[in-house]
Amino acid sequence: MTSQNYQAYLESVIHIAKQAGLAIMQVYATDFDVHRKDDNSPLTQADLAAHQVIVSELNKLTPQIPILTEESEEISYEIRQHWQQYWLIDPLDGTREFVKRNGEFTVNIALIDNQQPVLGVVYAPVTGLLYFACRGSGAYRQSLTKAAEKIHVRVLNLKRLTIAGSRSHANEKMQDFMRNLVPTLGETPELISMGSSLKICLVAEGLADVYPRLGPTSEWDTAAAHCILLEAGGDIVDVVGNSLLYNSKSTLLNPSFFAQGSGAPHWHQYL
């Protein structure tokens, strides 16, 4: 499939993400219940409502392309390994932020082709902020008050390093990383705390230099924003420096990673 074909899907996928956002906001306005999954992560009716909207609409748009979402039934690698293309979706990324009602949650929809994200849409329903990209066409940010504008990572300057960090998943490894940067920088770097895939989007639009994730995530957490970051001139790499791949192994868990902009050093030296 060519980049022209990816582009043909983009407008429809943006519309689907916004429909899912409406379903989420209908629940957000209520006194919703919070359930716990087997891994103790939260689940709400909004996750399920967004899942249903996205799966239904994508099945109409591309009935020939498989769909994998966070709320899907588990699909074995024996089946998945034969997929060259598939949709990879987190219907509500940042459920903890949803429960806290801080607005920092997103709808993430990605198209994966040959283990790489080639189309990505990230939509924040509370603010109406939208990020989107497809391979070969650049990355864009659109708000309720501004037309879509092209975004790009910034060139790293260690004299003004800004790090994006998780609002709900901070850990000791992240604190060590920050401390280990001080001898190089001469001071503690600026930290922007944010929920969901919005952290990766901060790097993509040049508001942060790196987002280190030194703990577990799943492939649907990163795929859509990874495409946006790639088209903005950055990448998501593991601690060895290899770009993240999707559906390349039996587990759907990502390794620890760095979402980074241009001119990035080997961040693992600061771990």
Protein backbone atom coordinates (compact mmCIF):
# COMPACT_ATOMS: atom_id res chain seq x y z
CA MET A 1 0.00 0.00 0.00
CA THR A 2 1.36 3.44 -0.93
CA SER A 3 1.29 6.67 1.05
CA GLN A 4 -1.53 7.84 -1.23
CA ASN A 5 -3.65 4.92 -0.01
CA TYR A 6 -2.90 5.78 3.62
CA GLN A 7 -3.91 9.38 2.94
CA ALA A 8 -7.24 8.19 1.52
CA TYR A 9 -8.15 6.74 4.93
CA LEU A 10 -7.05 9.73 6.99
CA GLU A 11 -10.13 11.95 6.81
CA SER A 12 -12.42 9.03 7.69
CA VAL A 13 -10.23 7.95 10.61
CA ILE A 14 -10.20 11.49 12.01
CA HIS A 15 -14.00 11.49 11.84
CA ILE A 16 -14.12 8.11 13.61
CA ALA A 17 -11.82 9.37 16.36
CA LYS A 18 -14.10 12.35 16.91
CA GLN A 19 -17.16 10.09 17.04
CA ALA A 20 -15.41 8.00 19.69
CA GLY A 21 -14.60 11.22 21.53
CA LEU A 22 -18.29 12.13 21.62
CA ALA A 23 -19.12 8.72 23.08
CA ILE A 24 -16.44 9.24 25.73
CA MET A 25 -17.71 12.71 26.63
CA GLN A 26 -21.24 11.41 27.10
CA VAL A 27 -19.91 9.13 29.85
CA TYR A 28 -17.55 11.83 31.18
CA ALA A 29 -20.58 13.99 31.97
CA THR A 30 -22.10 11.30 34.21
CA ASP A 31 -21.33 9.77 37.59
CA PHE A 32 -19.63 6.78 35.94
CA ASP A 33 -18.47 3.55 37.57
CA VAL A 34 -14.85 2.39 37.51
CA HIS A 35 -14.05 -1.30 37.27
CA ARG A 36 -10.68 -3.04 37.51
CA LYS A 37 -9.10 -5.32 34.93
CA ASP A 38 -7.00 -8.34 35.86
CA ASP A 39 -3.88 -6.13 35.86
CA ASN A 40 -5.65 -3.66 38.19
CA SER A 41 -5.82 -0.96 35.52
CA PRO A 42 -9.11 0.99 35.43
CA LEU A 43 -11.92 0.35 32.95
CA THR A 44 -15.00 2.53 32.42
CA GLN A 45 -18.05 2.48 30.21
CA ALA A 46 -16.31 5.17 28.15
CA ASP A 47 -13.53 2.73 27.16
CA LEU A 48 -16.13 0.25 25.95
CA ALA A 49 -18.31 2.83 24.21
CA ALA A 50 -15.34 4.24 22.28
CA HIS A 51 -14.19 0.73 21.40
CA GLN A 52 -17.61 -0.11 19.94
CA VAL A 53 -17.74 3.06 17.85
CA ILE A 54 -14.25 2.63 16.42
CA VAL A 55 -14.54 -1.08 15.63
CA SER A 56 -17.94 -0.65 14.01
CA GLU A 57 -16.82 2.25 11.82
CA LEU A 58 -13.47 0.74 10.83
CA ASN A 59 -15.18 -2.49 9.84
CA LYS A 60 -17.30 -0.43 7.44
CA LEU A 61 -14.31 1.54 6.15
CA THR A 62 -11.87 -1.36 5.68
CA PRO A 63 -13.59 -4.72 6.22
CA GLN A 64 -10.48 -6.47 4.87
CA ILE A 65 -8.11 -5.11 7.56
CA PRO A 66 -8.00 -6.78 11.01
CA ILE A 67 -8.49 -4.70 14.15
CA LEU A 68 -6.68 -4.98 17.48
CA THR A 69 -7.76 -2.76 20.36
CA GLU A 70 -7.04 -2.64 24.06
CA GLU A 71 -10.57 -3.87 24.73
CA SER A 72 -10.49 -6.68 22.14
CA GLU A 73 -10.58 -10.33 23.01
CA GLU A 74 -7.01 -11.60 23.15
CA ILE A 75 -5.73 -12.60 19.70
CA SER A 76 -2.89 -15.12 19.70
CA TYR A 77 0.41 -14.41 17.97
CA GLU A 78 -0.17 -17.52 15.87
CA ILE A 79 -2.92 -15.52 14.16
CA ARG A 80 -1.42 -12.03 14.41
CA GLN A 81 1.95 -12.96 12.93
CA HIS A 82 0.28 -13.34 9.52
CA TRP A 83 -1.06 -9.78 9.55
CA GLN A 84 0.86 -7.40 7.31
CA GLN A 85 -1.65 -4.62 7.92
CA TYR A 86 -3.96 -4.06 10.86
CA TRP A 87 -5.55 -1.28 12.88
CA LEU A 88 -4.06 -0.85 16.36
CA ILE A 89 -6.23 1.16 18.71
CA ASP A 90 -6.47 2.45 22.25
CA PRO A 91 -10.08 3.66 22.44
CA LEU A 92 -9.36 5.66 25.60
CA ASP A 93 -5.70 6.19 26.38
CA GLY A 94 -5.27 7.62 29.85
CA THR A 95 -8.21 6.07 31.67
CA ARG A 96 -6.60 7.15 34.95
CA GLU A 97 -6.70 10.75 33.70
CA PHE A 98 -10.32 10.24 32.64
CA VAL A 99 -11.18 9.04 36.15
CA LYS A 100 -9.36 12.05 37.64
CA ARG A 101 -11.29 14.29 35.21
CA ASN A 102 -8.18 16.27 34.23
CA GLY A 103 -8.87 16.09 30.49
CA GLU A 104 -5.52 14.51 29.58
CA PHE A 105 -6.85 11.44 27.79
CA THR A 106 -6.99 10.60 24.11
CA VAL A 107 -8.42 8.40 21.39
CA ASN A 108 -5.54 6.67 19.57
CA ILE A 109 -5.99 5.04 16.15
CA ALA A 110 -3.05 3.70 14.13
CA LEU A 111 -2.65 1.70 10.96
CA ILE A 112 0.29 -0.69 11.08
CA ASP A 113 1.92 -1.93 7.88
CA ASN A 114 4.83 -4.38 8.00
CA GLN A 115 5.36 -3.77 11.74
CA GLN A 116 5.54 0.03 11.37
CA PRO A 117 2.92 2.73 12.07
CA VAL A 118 1.97 4.39 8.78
CA LEU A 119 -1.12 6.36 9.86
CA GLY A 120 -1.82 7.85 13.26
CA VAL A 121 -4.61 9.93 14.79
CA VAL A 122 -4.56 11.17 18.39
CA TYR A 123 -7.64 13.08 19.56
CA ALA A 124 -8.19 14.71 22.97
CA PRO A 125 -11.99 15.00 23.38
CA VAL A 126 -12.05 17.54 26.24
CA THR A 127 -9.95 20.17 24.46
CA GLY A 128 -10.70 19.17 20.87
CA LEU A 129 -6.95 18.98 20.20
CA LEU A 130 -6.11 16.73 17.26
CA TYR A 131 -2.81 15.35 16.00
CA PHE A 132 -2.58 13.32 12.80
CA ALA A 133 -0.08 11.98 10.30
CA CYS A 134 0.41 9.41 7.61
CA ARG A 135 3.62 8.19 6.05
CA GLY A 136 5.18 10.63 3.63
CA SER A 137 2.70 13.44 4.32
CA GLY A 138 4.03 15.13 7.46
CA ALA A 139 2.52 15.56 10.92
CA TYR A 140 -0.16 18.07 11.90
CA ARG A 141 -1.77 19.64 14.94
CA GLN A 142 -5.26 21.13 14.87
CA SER A 143 -7.18 22.87 17.65
CA LEU A 144 -10.74 24.13 17.91
CA THR A 145 -9.59 27.67 17.14
CA LYS A 146 -6.82 27.02 14.58
CA ALA A 147 -6.61 25.26 11.25
CA ALA A 148 -4.29 22.29 10.95
CA GLU A 149 -0.64 23.32 11.08
CA LYS A 150 2.42 21.25 10.30
CA ILE A 151 4.53 20.33 13.31
CA HIS A 152 8.16 19.29 13.66
CA VAL A 153 10.43 18.22 16.47
CA ARG A 154 12.98 20.72 17.67
CA VAL A 155 16.73 20.28 17.44
CA LEU A 156 18.13 19.20 20.80
CA ASN A 157 19.84 21.88 22.87
CA LEU A 158 21.15 20.50 26.15
CA LYS A 159 21.19 24.02 27.60
CA ARG A 160 17.39 24.07 27.56
CA LEU A 161 16.40 20.43 27.84
CA THR A 162 12.70 19.76 28.43
CA ILE A 163 11.49 16.31 29.40
CA ALA A 164 7.91 15.03 29.10
CA GLY A 165 6.92 12.71 31.91
CA SER A 166 3.94 10.64 32.92
CA ARG A 167 1.48 12.22 35.31
CA SER A 168 0.23 8.88 36.66
CA HIS A 169 3.21 6.55 36.15
CA ALA A 170 6.24 8.37 37.59
CA ASN A 171 8.78 5.98 39.10
CA GLU A 172 12.23 5.85 40.68
CA LYS A 173 13.92 5.08 37.35
CA MET A 174 12.60 8.36 35.97
CA GLN A 175 13.91 10.25 39.00
CA ASP A 176 17.33 8.62 38.55
CA PHE A 177 17.33 9.60 34.86
CA MET A 178 16.62 13.22 35.76
CA ARG A 179 19.36 13.26 38.41
CA ASN A 180 21.89 11.64 36.09
CA LEU A 181 21.41 14.46 33.58
CA VAL A 182 22.41 17.17 36.06
CA PRO A 183 26.22 16.83 35.64
CA THR A 184 25.83 17.29 31.87
CA LEU A 185 23.26 20.08 32.03
CA GLY A 186 24.49 21.88 35.12
CA GLU A 187 20.93 21.91 36.44
CA THR A 188 17.82 19.78 36.71
CA PRO A 189 15.99 19.69 33.36
CA GLU A 190 12.50 21.11 33.02
CA LEU A 191 9.78 18.49 33.40
CA ILE A 192 6.32 18.69 31.82
CA SER A 193 3.93 16.16 33.36
CA MET A 194 1.15 14.98 31.08
CA GLY A 195 -1.20 12.05 30.66
CA SER A 196 -1.72 9.63 27.77
CA SER A 197 -0.06 9.78 24.34
CA LEU A 198 -0.07 13.57 24.58
CA LYS A 199 3.48 13.26 25.98
CA ILE A 200 4.73 11.85 22.68
CA CYS A 201 2.85 14.59 20.84
CA LEU A 202 4.66 17.21 22.96
CA VAL A 203 7.92 15.91 21.52
CA ALA A 204 6.44 15.84 18.00
CA GLU A 205 5.45 19.51 18.13
CA GLY A 206 8.76 20.64 19.61
CA LEU A 207 7.57 21.46 23.13
CA ALA A 208 9.69 18.71 24.71
CA ASP A 209 12.94 17.03 23.70
CA VAL A 210 12.37 13.54 25.04
CA TYR A 211 9.78 11.40 26.78
CA PRO A 212 11.49 8.53 28.62
CA ARG A 213 9.14 5.67 29.45
CA LEU A 214 11.03 3.41 31.82
CA GLY A 215 8.16 1.11 32.65
CA PRO A 216 5.55 -1.06 30.95
CA THR A 217 3.28 0.12 28.14
CA SER A 218 1.37 -1.72 25.44
CA GLU A 219 1.73 -1.33 21.71
CA TRP A 220 -1.66 0.40 21.37
CA ASP A 221 -0.42 3.09 23.81
CA THR A 222 2.29 4.28 21.42
CA ALA A 223 1.43 3.35 17.81
CA ALA A 224 -0.66 6.36 16.73
CA ALA A 225 1.59 8.94 18.36
CA HIS A 226 4.67 7.08 17.07
CA CYS A 227 3.51 7.68 13.50
CA ILE A 228 2.99 11.37 14.28
CA LEU A 229 6.45 11.61 15.85
CA LEU A 230 8.10 9.85 12.91
CA GLU A 231 6.50 12.26 10.44
CA ALA A 232 7.54 15.18 12.64
CA GLY A 233 11.19 14.10 12.40
CA GLY A 234 11.57 12.08 15.61
CA ASP A 235 11.28 8.45 16.64
CA ILE A 236 10.57 6.11 19.53
CA VAL A 237 13.57 3.92 20.30
CA ASP A 238 14.35 1.26 22.88
CA VAL A 239 17.27 1.64 25.29
CA VAL A 240 19.64 0.17 22.68
CA GLY A 241 18.49 2.72 20.08
CA ASN A 242 16.33 0.51 17.88
CA SER A 243 13.03 1.91 16.61
CA LEU A 244 9.97 0.27 18.17
CA LEU A 245 8.27 -2.33 16.00
CA TYR A 246 4.70 -3.61 16.26
CA ASN A 247 3.36 -7.15 16.19
CA SER A 248 6.89 -8.55 16.04
CA LYS A 249 6.60 -10.87 19.05
CA SER A 250 4.10 -12.83 21.11
CA THR A 251 3.68 -10.17 23.79
CA LEU A 252 2.03 -6.82 23.07
CA LEU A 253 4.15 -5.06 25.70
CA ASN A 254 6.67 -2.42 24.65
CA PRO A 255 10.17 -2.35 26.10
CA SER A 256 11.32 0.75 27.98
CA PHE A 257 11.76 3.50 25.41
CA PHE A 258 12.64 7.08 24.59
CA ALA A 259 10.33 9.18 22.39
CA GLN A 260 12.84 11.66 21.05
CA GLY A 261 13.32 14.55 18.71
CA SER A 262 16.16 15.45 16.39
CA GLY A 263 19.84 15.20 17.34
CA ALA A 264 19.16 13.02 20.36
CA PRO A 265 22.11 11.57 22.29
CA HIS A 266 22.20 7.96 23.48
CA TRP A 267 19.80 8.54 26.36
CA HIS A 268 20.56 5.15 27.90
CA GLN A 269 23.87 6.56 29.19
CA TYR A 270 21.83 8.54 31.74
CA LEU A 271 19.92 5.56 33.12
